[in-house]
C-alpha atoms as a PDB file:
ATOM      1  CA  MET A   1     -24.200  13.215   4.822  1.00  0.00           C
ATOM      2  CA  VAL A   2     -24.482  15.053   8.251  1.00  0.00           C
ATOM      3  CA  ASP A   3     -22.437  14.354  11.245  1.00  0.00           C
ATOM      4  CA  GLN A   4     -25.124  12.508  12.951  1.00  0.00           C
ATOM      5  CA  GLU A   5     -25.287   9.810  10.037  1.00  0.00           C
ATOM      6  CA  MET A   6     -21.593   9.548   9.584  1.00  0.00           C
ATOM      7  CA  ALA A   7     -21.472   8.900  13.371  1.00  0.00           C
ATOM      8  CA  LYS A   8     -24.099   6.158  13.073  1.00  0.00           C
ATOM      9  CA  LYS A   9     -22.396   4.844  10.094  1.00  0.00           C
ATOM     10  CA  ILE A  10     -19.090   4.433  12.125  1.00  0.00           C
ATOM     11  CA  ALA A  11     -20.628   2.820  15.181  1.00  0.00           C
ATOM     12  CA  SER A  12     -22.828   0.800  13.149  1.00  0.00           C
ATOM     13  CA  GLY A  13     -21.189   0.245   9.753  1.00  0.00           C
ATOM     14  CA  ASN A  14     -19.689  -3.020   8.535  1.00  0.00           C
ATOM     15  CA  GLY A  15     -16.308  -2.110   6.910  1.00  0.00           C
ATOM     16  CA  PHE A  16     -13.036  -0.421   7.965  1.00  0.00           C
ATOM     17  CA  ILE A  17     -11.123   3.010   7.850  1.00  0.00           C
ATOM     18  CA  ALA A  18      -8.503   2.919   5.255  1.00  0.00           C
ATOM     19  CA  ALA A  19      -5.099   4.384   6.840  1.00  0.00           C
ATOM     20  CA  LEU A  20      -3.380   5.738   3.890  1.00  0.00           C
ATOM     21  CA  ASP A  21      -1.022   8.142   5.889  1.00  0.00           C
ATOM     22  CA  GLN A  22       2.397   6.914   6.025  1.00  0.00           C
ATOM     23  CA  SER A  23       5.008   9.302   6.356  1.00  0.00           C
ATOM     24  CA  GLY A  24       8.437   9.743   4.737  1.00  0.00           C
ATOM     25  CA  GLY A  25       9.888   7.300   7.279  1.00  0.00           C
ATOM     26  CA  SER A  26       7.580   4.511   6.639  1.00  0.00           C
ATOM     27  CA  THR A  27       6.846   5.307   2.983  1.00  0.00           C
ATOM     28  CA  PRO A  28       9.978   2.977   1.837  1.00  0.00           C
ATOM     29  CA  LYS A  29       8.669  -0.142   3.689  1.00  0.00           C
ATOM     30  CA  ALA A  30       5.099   0.526   2.392  1.00  0.00           C
ATOM     31  CA  LEU A  31       6.312   0.576  -1.176  1.00  0.00           C
ATOM     32  CA  LYS A  32       8.235  -2.667  -0.497  1.00  0.00           C
ATOM     33  CA  GLY A  33       5.103  -4.297   0.760  1.00  0.00           C
ATOM     34  CA  TYR A  34       3.444  -3.593  -2.792  1.00  0.00           C
ATOM     35  CA  GLY A  35       6.701  -4.826  -4.495  1.00  0.00           C
ATOM     36  CA  VAL A  36       8.436  -1.562  -5.369  1.00  0.00           C
ATOM     37  CA  GLU A  37      12.176  -1.666  -4.384  1.00  0.00           C
ATOM     38  CA  GLU A  38      14.222   1.140  -3.091  1.00  0.00           C
ATOM     39  CA  SER A  39      16.106   1.329  -6.053  1.00  0.00           C
ATOM     40  CA  ALA A  40      12.868   2.334  -8.189  1.00  0.00           C
ATOM     41  CA  TRP A  41      13.587   6.006  -6.768  1.00  0.00           C
ATOM     42  CA  THR A  42      16.369   8.141  -6.628  1.00  0.00           C
ATOM     43  CA  SER A  43      15.010  11.033  -4.591  1.00  0.00           C
ATOM     44  CA  GLU A  44      12.277  11.726  -1.851  1.00  0.00           C
ATOM     45  CA  GLU A  45      10.325  13.320  -4.502  1.00  0.00           C
ATOM     46  CA  GLU A  46      10.354  10.416  -6.483  1.00  0.00           C
ATOM     47  CA  MET A  47       9.786   8.202  -3.568  1.00  0.00           C
ATOM     48  CA  TYR A  48       6.584  10.290  -2.747  1.00  0.00           C
ATOM     49  CA  GLY A  49       5.297  10.247  -6.316  1.00  0.00           C
ATOM     50  CA  LEU A  50       5.358   6.600  -6.017  1.00  0.00           C
ATOM     51  CA  ILE A  51       3.466   6.379  -2.944  1.00  0.00           C
ATOM     52  CA  HIS A  52       1.028   9.157  -4.453  1.00  0.00           C
ATOM     53  CA  ASP A  53       0.315   7.000  -7.563  1.00  0.00           C
ATOM     54  CA  MET A  54      -0.489   3.842  -5.230  1.00  0.00           C
ATOM     55  CA  ARG A  55      -2.610   5.950  -3.095  1.00  0.00           C
ATOM     56  CA  SER A  56      -4.229   7.219  -6.371  1.00  0.00           C
ATOM     57  CA  ARG A  57      -5.160   3.633  -7.696  1.00  0.00           C
ATOM     58  CA  ILE A  58      -6.245   2.527  -4.194  1.00  0.00           C
ATOM     59  CA  ILE A  59      -8.856   5.341  -3.806  1.00  0.00           C
ATOM     60  CA  THR A  60      -9.981   5.655  -7.298  1.00  0.00           C
ATOM     61  CA  SER A  61     -10.551   1.782  -7.474  1.00  0.00           C
ATOM     62  CA  PRO A  62     -14.015   0.773  -7.870  1.00  0.00           C
ATOM     63  CA  ALA A  63     -13.988  -1.374  -4.925  1.00  0.00           C
ATOM     64  CA  PHE A  64     -12.986   1.533  -2.643  1.00  0.00           C
ATOM     65  CA  THR A  65     -16.731   2.686  -1.767  1.00  0.00           C
ATOM     66  CA  GLY A  66     -18.842   3.372   1.034  1.00  0.00           C
ATOM     67  CA  ASP A  67     -20.046  -0.123   1.301  1.00  0.00           C
ATOM     68  CA  LYS A  68     -16.767  -1.327   2.767  1.00  0.00           C
ATOM     69  CA  VAL A  69     -14.848   1.667   3.663  1.00  0.00           C
ATOM     70  CA  LEU A  70     -16.180   3.722   6.377  1.00  0.00           C
ATOM     71  CA  GLY A  71     -13.468   6.193   6.363  1.00  0.00           C
ATOM     72  CA  ALA A  72      -9.979   7.324   5.339  1.00  0.00           C
ATOM     73  CA  ILE A  73      -7.051   8.743   6.899  1.00  0.00           C
ATOM     74  CA  LEU A  74      -4.878  10.404   4.198  1.00  0.00           C
ATOM     75  CA  PHE A  75      -1.326  12.046   4.002  1.00  0.00           C
ATOM     76  CA  GLU A  76      -1.494  15.802   3.505  1.00  0.00           C
ATOM     77  CA  ARG A  77       0.478  15.557   0.176  1.00  0.00           C
ATOM     78  CA  THR A  78      -2.119  13.033  -1.119  1.00  0.00           C
ATOM     79  CA  MET A  79      -4.786  15.790  -0.206  1.00  0.00           C
ATOM     80  CA  ASP A  80      -2.912  18.268  -2.060  1.00  0.00           C
ATOM     81  CA  GLY A  81      -1.919  16.317  -5.146  1.00  0.00           C
ATOM     82  CA  GLN A  82      -3.701  15.202  -8.168  1.00  0.00           C
ATOM     83  CA  VAL A  83      -5.577  12.262  -8.361  1.00  0.00           C
END
């Protein structure tokens, strides 16, 4: 999709931009919102692994398509990780 098409889709599309970019400070709260208690991890690395797994499930879901999702904001660690 070229830039002009992308701009048109954002301007007139019926959908949303998925913000999946919370950082370490908000990650525990985001995980808790999905039922994952802080006792589920013992290190920051484990916490980031859990949030990465959650993001991976979201972005690989059959419902996560251009029909509804106009764009996504992703955390750098998600971009660098395996999905």
